[in-house]
Amino acid sequence: MISINVTLFIQMANFFVFLFLMNFVLYRPIRRVVAERKRFISDKEKGIERLEKQARASLLEYNQKLQDARRTGAQKIQELKAAGYEQEKELLRRISDQTAANVQELRGTIQKDIAAARKELKQQVKAFSVDLAQKILGRKI
């Protein structure tokens, strides 16, 4: 049977001293390291969440800017196409006007040449008819 004597109290005191020393030497440093690790992990998780949030915001901003750039690019392309089409129409109109003016000028020149050729031919016809009549008649007219 267990007898209660002084050794039991010494054992209890020894246990409490050992418990105090173990708490001071082992348990507190381990708890402190565990708490530091928890703080470190918590800080890193918060940093990761913050960076992920920034990455999502940056990605959204990038996508928005990309869509804006595509929209602006498509609009510029349409504007340039329209401007090119207008320039083409203007160039074709000027060429058409210039060609029409050239054709009119050539027609005028041709009409003048035809009139000059007719006048010359009339004069030559008179001379030829007189020569022909003289040859046929055998005398001067």
Protein backbone atom coordinates (compact mmCIF):
# COMPACT_ATOMS: atom_id res chain seq x y z
CA MET A 1 0.00 0.00 0.00
CA ILE A 2 0.98 3.59 -0.45
CA SER A 3 2.23 5.21 2.60
CA ILE A 4 2.31 8.94 2.85
CA ASN A 5 5.59 10.17 4.14
CA VAL A 6 8.18 12.83 3.42
CA THR A 7 9.45 11.22 0.22
CA LEU A 8 6.07 11.71 -1.38
CA PHE A 9 6.27 15.43 -0.73
CA ILE A 10 9.86 15.49 -1.97
CA GLN A 11 8.76 13.65 -5.11
CA MET A 12 5.95 16.16 -5.61
CA ALA A 13 8.32 19.10 -5.09
CA ASN A 14 10.79 17.43 -7.43
CA PHE A 15 8.01 17.02 -10.03
CA PHE A 16 6.95 20.67 -9.74
CA VAL A 17 10.57 21.87 -10.02
CA PHE A 18 11.02 19.61 -13.05
CA LEU A 19 7.76 20.92 -14.52
CA PHE A 20 8.88 24.52 -13.90
CA LEU A 21 12.28 23.88 -15.50
CA MET A 22 10.72 22.03 -18.46
CA ASN A 23 8.30 24.90 -18.96
CA PHE A 24 11.15 27.42 -18.84
CA VAL A 25 13.63 25.40 -20.96
CA LEU A 26 11.43 23.47 -23.38
CA TYR A 27 7.75 24.39 -23.54
CA ARG A 28 8.06 28.19 -23.73
CA PRO A 29 10.66 28.18 -26.54
CA ILE A 30 8.64 25.61 -28.48
CA ARG A 31 5.45 27.62 -28.03
CA ARG A 32 7.32 30.79 -29.03
CA VAL A 33 8.69 29.08 -32.19
CA VAL A 34 5.24 27.71 -33.02
CA ALA A 35 3.70 31.17 -32.50
CA GLU A 36 6.41 32.76 -34.70
CA ARG A 37 5.77 30.16 -37.40
CA LYS A 38 2.03 30.82 -37.22
CA ARG A 39 2.67 34.57 -37.51
CA PHE A 40 5.11 33.98 -40.36
CA ILE A 41 2.67 31.71 -42.20
CA SER A 42 -0.20 34.11 -41.54
CA ASP A 43 1.85 37.04 -42.85
CA LYS A 44 2.86 35.07 -45.93
CA GLU A 45 -0.76 34.01 -46.56
CA LYS A 46 -1.87 37.64 -46.27
CA GLY A 47 0.93 38.64 -48.64
CA ILE A 48 -0.10 35.92 -51.08
CA GLU A 49 -3.74 37.02 -50.91
CA ARG A 50 -2.70 40.65 -51.44
CA LEU A 51 -0.49 39.70 -54.40
CA GLU A 52 -3.21 37.49 -55.88
CA LYS A 53 -5.66 40.38 -55.54
CA GLN A 54 -3.16 42.71 -57.23
CA ALA A 55 -2.56 40.12 -59.96
CA ARG A 56 -6.31 39.79 -60.58
CA ALA A 57 -6.67 43.58 -60.67
CA SER A 58 -3.69 43.87 -63.02
CA LEU A 59 -5.09 41.14 -65.24
CA LEU A 60 -8.48 42.86 -65.36
CA GLU A 61 -6.79 46.18 -66.14
CA TYR A 62 -4.65 44.50 -68.82
CA ASN A 63 -7.70 42.86 -70.39
CA GLN A 64 -9.60 46.15 -70.30
CA LYS A 65 -6.69 48.01 -71.89
CA LEU A 66 -6.33 45.25 -74.48
CA GLN A 67 -10.03 45.48 -75.35
CA ASP A 68 -9.79 49.27 -75.52
CA ALA A 69 -6.72 49.01 -77.75
CA ARG A 70 -8.47 46.52 -80.02
CA ARG A 71 -11.57 48.69 -80.15
CA THR A 72 -9.47 51.79 -80.86
CA GLY A 73 -7.46 49.88 -83.45
CA ALA A 74 -10.59 48.66 -85.20
CA GLN A 75 -12.00 52.19 -85.13
CA LYS A 76 -8.75 53.61 -86.55
CA ILE A 77 -8.77 50.94 -89.26
CA GLN A 78 -12.34 51.88 -90.19
CA GLU A 79 -11.43 55.57 -90.18
CA LEU A 80 -8.38 54.91 -92.35
CA LYS A 81 -10.43 52.75 -94.71
CA ALA A 82 -13.05 55.49 -94.97
CA ALA A 83 -10.36 58.12 -95.53
CA GLY A 84 -8.70 55.90 -98.14
CA TYR A 85 -12.03 55.34 -99.83
CA GLU A 86 -12.68 59.09 -99.88
CA GLN A 87 -9.19 59.73 -101.26
CA GLU A 88 -9.77 57.06 -103.89
CA LYS A 89 -13.08 58.65 -104.88
CA GLU A 90 -11.48 62.10 -105.03
CA LEU A 91 -8.54 60.78 -107.07
CA LEU A 92 -10.88 58.95 -109.46
CA ARG A 93 -13.01 62.09 -109.78
CA ARG A 94 -9.95 64.23 -110.54
CA ILE A 95 -8.64 61.69 -113.03
CA SER A 96 -12.08 61.46 -114.62
CA ASP A 97 -12.30 65.26 -114.84
CA GLN A 98 -8.77 65.46 -116.22
CA THR A 99 -9.49 62.69 -118.72
CA ALA A 100 -12.71 64.43 -119.77
CA ALA A 101 -10.80 67.69 -120.20
CA ASN A 102 -8.11 65.89 -122.21
CA VAL A 103 -10.78 64.24 -124.37
CA GLN A 104 -12.46 67.62 -124.95
CA GLU A 105 -9.10 69.16 -125.80
CA LEU A 106 -8.30 66.32 -128.19
CA ARG A 107 -11.74 66.60 -129.79
CA GLY A 108 -11.18 70.31 -130.27
CA THR A 109 -7.75 69.66 -131.77
CA ILE A 110 -9.18 66.94 -134.02
CA GLN A 111 -12.02 69.25 -135.12
CA LYS A 112 -9.47 71.97 -135.94
CA ASP A 113 -7.31 69.46 -137.81
CA ILE A 114 -10.38 68.17 -139.71
CA ALA A 115 -11.41 71.73 -140.59
CA ALA A 116 -7.88 72.56 -141.72
CA ALA A 117 -7.70 69.32 -143.72
CA ARG A 118 -11.10 70.05 -145.37
CA LYS A 119 -10.03 73.56 -146.24
CA GLU A 120 -6.78 72.28 -147.69
CA LEU A 121 -8.58 69.48 -149.52
CA LYS A 122 -11.07 71.99 -150.99
CA GLN A 123 -8.20 74.07 -152.25
CA GLN A 124 -6.48 71.00 -153.63
CA VAL A 125 -9.75 69.77 -155.18
CA LYS A 126 -10.11 73.10 -157.02
CA ALA A 127 -6.56 72.87 -158.27
CA PHE A 128 -6.97 69.20 -159.22
CA SER A 129 -10.30 69.83 -160.93
CA VAL A 130 -8.81 72.67 -162.96
CA ASP A 131 -5.82 70.49 -163.88
CA LEU A 132 -8.08 67.56 -164.71
CA ALA A 133 -10.39 69.74 -166.79
CA GLN A 134 -7.41 71.19 -168.64
CA LYS A 135 -6.08 67.72 -169.36
CA ILE A 136 -9.46 66.46 -170.49
CA LEU A 137 -10.18 69.50 -172.61
CA GLY A 138 -6.62 69.86 -173.69
CA ARG A 139 -6.62 73.60 -173.16
CA LYS A 140 -6.28 76.12 -170.35
CA ILE A 141 -9.27 77.20 -168.47
